[in-house]
Protein backbone atom coordinates (compact mmCIF):
# COMPACT_ATOMS: atom_id res chain seq x y z
CA UNK A 1 20.09 -28.61 -24.57
CA UNK A 2 21.67 -28.49 -20.74
CA UNK A 3 18.90 -29.50 -18.22
CA UNK A 4 17.46 -26.34 -16.47
CA UNK A 5 17.14 -26.86 -12.41
CA UNK A 6 14.19 -27.32 -11.47
CA UNK A 7 13.05 -25.20 -8.32
CA UNK A 8 10.42 -25.66 -5.75
CA UNK A 9 8.41 -22.95 -4.46
CA UNK A 10 6.50 -23.01 -1.39
CA UNK A 11 3.07 -21.12 -2.21
CA UNK A 12 1.63 -18.75 0.26
CA UNK A 13 -1.88 -18.39 1.19
CA UNK A 14 -4.19 -15.84 1.49
CA UNK A 15 -4.33 -16.00 5.68
CA UNK A 16 -6.11 -12.87 5.78
CA UNK A 17 -9.00 -13.88 4.54
CA UNK A 18 -9.00 -17.12 5.73
CA UNK A 19 -6.90 -18.94 3.90
CA UNK A 20 -9.01 -20.29 1.47
CA UNK A 21 -6.38 -19.76 -1.82
CA UNK A 22 -2.84 -20.51 -2.16
CA UNK A 23 -1.40 -17.61 -4.04
CA UNK A 24 2.03 -16.07 -4.68
CA UNK A 25 3.20 -13.28 -6.35
CA UNK A 26 4.46 -13.47 -10.27
CA UNK A 27 7.68 -11.64 -9.09
CA UNK A 28 9.22 -14.88 -7.38
CA UNK A 29 8.33 -17.15 -10.32
CA UNK A 30 10.03 -14.77 -12.56
CA UNK A 31 13.03 -14.10 -11.13
CA UNK A 32 13.83 -17.49 -10.83
CA UNK A 33 13.02 -18.25 -14.73
CA UNK A 34 14.99 -15.21 -15.67
CA UNK A 35 18.18 -16.38 -13.61
CA UNK A 36 17.70 -19.69 -15.66
CA UNK A 37 15.90 -22.37 -13.40
CA UNK A 38 12.19 -23.58 -13.80
CA UNK A 39 10.16 -22.55 -11.33
CA UNK A 40 6.96 -25.06 -9.64
CA UNK A 41 4.76 -24.05 -6.75
CA UNK A 42 4.39 -26.19 -4.27
CA UNK A 43 1.59 -26.27 -2.17
CA UNK A 44 1.09 -27.83 1.76
CA UNK A 45 0.89 -31.67 1.21
CA UNK A 46 3.07 -33.94 2.11
CA UNK A 47 3.51 -35.49 -0.86
CA UNK A 48 4.28 -32.49 -2.17
CA UNK A 49 7.11 -31.73 -0.17
CA UNK A 50 8.42 -35.37 -0.74
CA UNK A 51 8.14 -34.78 -4.46
CA UNK A 52 10.50 -31.21 -4.47
CA UNK A 53 12.98 -33.65 -2.55
CA UNK A 54 13.06 -36.60 -4.74
CA UNK A 55 12.70 -34.09 -7.50
CA UNK A 56 13.86 -30.90 -7.52
CA UNK A 57 17.43 -29.47 -7.55
CA UNK A 58 16.74 -25.94 -4.79
CA UNK A 59 13.44 -24.80 -2.81
CA UNK A 60 12.63 -21.40 -2.19
CA UNK A 61 10.21 -20.31 0.48
CA UNK A 62 7.90 -16.98 -0.51
CA UNK A 63 6.74 -14.28 1.96
CA UNK A 64 3.91 -14.85 4.18
CA UNK A 65 1.90 -13.77 7.35
CA UNK A 66 1.77 -17.20 9.13
CA UNK A 67 1.51 -18.14 13.06
CA UNK A 68 4.80 -19.84 14.13
CA UNK A 69 5.03 -21.94 17.22
CA UNK A 70 5.49 -20.08 20.77
CA UNK A 71 9.30 -21.63 20.58
CA UNK A 72 10.35 -19.17 17.77
CA UNK A 73 9.98 -15.85 19.35
CA UNK A 74 12.21 -14.76 22.42
CA UNK A 75 11.17 -14.93 26.03
CA UNK A 76 7.46 -13.45 27.25
CA UNK A 77 6.24 -13.04 23.16
CA UNK A 78 3.96 -15.43 21.10
CA UNK A 79 2.81 -14.46 16.93
CA UNK A 80 -0.38 -12.66 16.92
CA UNK A 81 -0.68 -13.63 13.22
CA UNK A 82 -3.11 -15.81 11.33
CA UNK A 83 -3.10 -19.92 11.67
CA UNK A 84 -2.18 -21.58 8.74
CA UNK A 85 -1.20 -25.39 7.88
CA UNK A 86 1.75 -23.88 6.04
CA UNK A 87 4.18 -23.58 9.21
CA UNK A 88 4.33 -27.41 9.96
CA UNK A 89 4.16 -28.07 6.64
CA UNK A 90 7.20 -25.76 5.60
CA UNK A 91 9.18 -25.97 8.18
CA UNK A 92 9.39 -29.52 8.46
CA UNK A 93 10.67 -29.27 4.91
CA UNK A 94 13.22 -26.36 5.11
CA UNK A 95 14.99 -28.43 8.22
CA UNK A 96 15.22 -31.37 5.85
CA UNK A 97 16.34 -29.64 2.89
CA UNK A 98 18.61 -27.95 4.79
CA UNK A 99 20.07 -30.38 6.31
CA UNK A 100 21.07 -32.12 3.20
CA UNK A 101 23.24 -29.21 2.27
CA UNK A 102 20.76 -28.40 -0.68
CA UNK A 103 20.54 -24.73 -1.92
CA UNK A 104 17.58 -23.06 -0.12
CA UNK A 105 16.93 -18.98 -0.51
CA UNK A 106 14.31 -17.83 2.10
CA UNK A 107 12.86 -14.82 1.11
CA UNK A 108 11.19 -12.80 4.22
CA UNK A 109 8.84 -15.57 6.02
CA UNK A 110 11.12 -17.89 4.13
CA UNK A 111 14.15 -16.07 5.97
CA UNK A 112 12.34 -16.64 9.28
CA UNK A 113 11.65 -20.18 8.61
CA UNK A 114 14.85 -21.28 8.27
CA UNK A 115 16.41 -18.98 11.43
CA UNK A 116 13.80 -20.55 13.52
CA UNK A 117 14.79 -23.48 11.93
CA UNK A 118 18.08 -23.10 13.41
CA UNK A 119 17.62 -21.76 16.79
CA UNK A 120 17.16 -17.81 16.08
CA UNK A 121 14.79 -16.13 18.28
CA UNK A 122 12.43 -13.90 16.66
CA UNK A 123 10.10 -10.84 17.92
CA UNK A 124 6.64 -10.34 16.72
CA UNK A 125 6.92 -6.55 17.31
CA UNK A 126 10.23 -5.20 15.61
CA UNK A 127 9.35 -1.70 15.43
CA UNK A 128 9.24 -1.66 19.73
CA UNK A 129 12.67 -3.28 20.02
CA UNK A 130 14.33 -1.15 17.89
CA UNK A 131 12.19 2.06 18.39
CA UNK A 132 12.85 3.11 14.83
CA UNK A 133 12.02 5.52 12.16
CA UNK A 134 11.71 3.19 9.20
CA UNK A 135 8.82 1.94 8.83
CA UNK A 136 9.81 -1.66 8.03
CA UNK A 137 5.59 -2.98 7.63
CA UNK A 138 5.47 -0.99 4.49
CA UNK A 139 6.00 -2.02 0.97
CA UNK A 140 7.32 1.33 -0.17
CA UNK A 141 9.45 1.74 2.28
CA UNK A 142 13.18 1.65 0.76
CA UNK A 143 16.31 1.92 3.10
CA UNK A 144 20.03 1.00 3.35
CA UNK A 145 21.52 -2.27 4.28
CA UNK A 146 25.08 -3.07 5.38
CA UNK A 147 26.45 -6.32 4.14
CA UNK A 148 28.56 -8.35 6.84
CA UNK A 149 31.98 -8.73 5.17
CA UNK A 150 33.37 -12.49 4.82
CA UNK A 151 29.85 -13.65 4.50
CA UNK A 152 28.11 -15.99 1.33
CA UNK A 153 26.24 -12.78 1.03
CA UNK A 154 28.91 -10.54 0.70
CA UNK A 155 30.83 -12.71 -1.68
CA UNK A 156 27.55 -12.82 -3.72
CA UNK A 157 26.54 -9.28 -3.64
CA UNK A 158 30.24 -7.90 -4.05
CA UNK A 159 29.14 -4.51 -2.63
CA UNK A 160 29.21 -3.35 1.30
CA UNK A 161 25.81 -1.32 1.06
CA UNK A 162 22.51 -1.53 -0.77
CA UNK A 163 19.21 -0.09 -0.97
CA UNK A 164 16.31 -2.59 -0.34
CA UNK A 165 12.71 -2.50 0.12
CA UNK A 166 10.70 -3.88 3.24
CA UNK A 167 7.75 -5.36 3.99
CA UNK A 168 7.94 -6.86 7.52
CA UNK A 169 6.70 -6.77 11.35
CA UNK A 170 8.72 -9.37 12.73
CA UNK A 171 12.04 -9.66 12.86
CA UNK A 172 14.85 -11.61 14.59
CA UNK A 173 16.36 -10.15 18.16
CA UNK A 174 18.70 -13.39 18.99
CA UNK A 175 21.26 -15.29 16.89
CA UNK A 176 22.17 -19.04 17.95
CA UNK A 177 25.56 -21.43 16.92
CA UNK A 178 24.41 -22.13 13.70
CA UNK A 179 22.78 -18.89 12.41
CA UNK A 180 24.76 -15.78 11.13
CA UNK A 181 23.18 -12.45 10.51
CA UNK A 182 24.90 -11.47 7.44
CA UNK A 183 23.03 -7.88 6.82
CA UNK A 184 21.53 -5.23 9.06
CA UNK A 185 19.67 -2.28 8.31
CA UNK A 186 20.53 0.93 9.35
CA UNK A 187 18.61 0.63 12.63
CA UNK A 188 20.07 -2.75 13.19
CA UNK A 189 16.93 -5.04 11.68
CA UNK A 190 18.59 -8.24 11.16
CA UNK A 191 17.91 -8.03 6.91
CA UNK A 192 19.21 -11.38 5.99
CA UNK A 193 21.00 -14.56 7.73
CA UNK A 194 22.51 -17.94 6.63
CA UNK A 195 23.71 -21.19 7.94
CA UNK A 196 26.69 -21.84 9.02
CA UNK A 197 28.57 -24.82 6.85
CA UNK A 198 25.76 -25.07 3.79
CA UNK A 199 26.78 -24.42 0.57
CA UNK A 200 23.53 -21.90 -0.18
CA UNK A 201 21.56 -21.56 3.25
CA UNK A 202 20.38 -18.04 3.03
CA UNK A 203 17.35 -15.86 3.74
CA UNK A 204 16.77 -12.45 3.00
CA UNK A 205 14.30 -10.06 4.91
CA UNK A 206 13.28 -8.14 1.75
CA UNK A 207 11.44 -8.64 -0.96
CA UNK A 208 13.91 -9.11 -4.37
CA UNK A 209 11.81 -10.66 -6.36
CA UNK A 210 9.99 -6.72 -6.22
CA UNK A 211 12.81 -5.81 -7.43
CA UNK A 212 14.33 -7.49 -10.64
CA UNK A 213 13.99 -8.67 -13.32
CA UNK A 214 10.87 -6.19 -13.13
CA UNK A 215 10.71 -3.44 -10.88
CA UNK A 216 7.66 -2.35 -8.59
CA UNK A 217 9.65 0.68 -7.99
CA UNK A 218 10.93 3.59 -10.20
CA UNK A 219 15.05 3.08 -8.87
CA UNK A 220 16.96 0.44 -9.87
CA UNK A 221 17.68 -1.58 -7.16
CA UNK A 222 18.15 -4.86 -8.98
CA UNK A 223 21.85 -4.90 -7.00
CA UNK A 224 19.53 -5.94 -4.06
CA UNK A 225 18.14 -8.61 -6.26
CA UNK A 226 19.51 -10.36 -9.46
CA UNK A 227 23.10 -11.54 -8.09
CA UNK A 228 21.24 -13.22 -5.42
CA UNK A 229 19.02 -15.04 -8.04
CA UNK A 230 21.39 -15.76 -10.32
CA UNK A 231 24.00 -17.28 -7.80
CA UNK A 232 20.84 -19.35 -6.41
CA UNK A 233 20.24 -20.88 -9.42
CA UNK A 234 23.28 -21.52 -10.52
CA UNK A 235 23.79 -23.44 -7.07
CA UNK A 236 21.18 -25.81 -8.10
CA UNK A 237 23.20 -26.84 -11.46
CA UNK A 238 24.77 -30.09 -10.73
């Protein structure tokens, strides 16, 4: 029997309630499993990160609302999210993982950790900078996203435009020499990024785990989800 790739998933926590519990939507695990991987949750301990580095084939980071370092933001801004011991653990693990050119998929917060690790800058108040009619910080929001041609994401999804969900207050405003912005919402919000020169180091701002294999929406939005998980898991097979 062919060995299925083992995918480490960094757990979220209930930061809005004091951070007493690890948690994660089952969609993260279901999507990886449906794509042919075996998902396992990773808590915020050094040894857990070392286990992932030594034993897992892929790394995925989930959504979250946690305080990033001030250096993650454009000049004059800082996070107003809750403190968490996740940020330091996650930043270190993601950087080691991607530096080693191992497959990484970041979702929402996971995309932001990836971009910040390679020099991109965020804002904690995206709506202020975009002055847009799109409410990005609402799970029910659906909007169009244009994929930048000749990127890994474009090759993966196969169509120039998709419809995604949205649930974030922070977002990127500045790229870096190592970061490519590979998708944008209609209002200019950065919806995906990738790291130059890496086989699979991609982050998406939307929540594909809510779109496939079981959708939280009445619309069929698997184009924005299924190819991403399938390509991620297949890239973890050696």
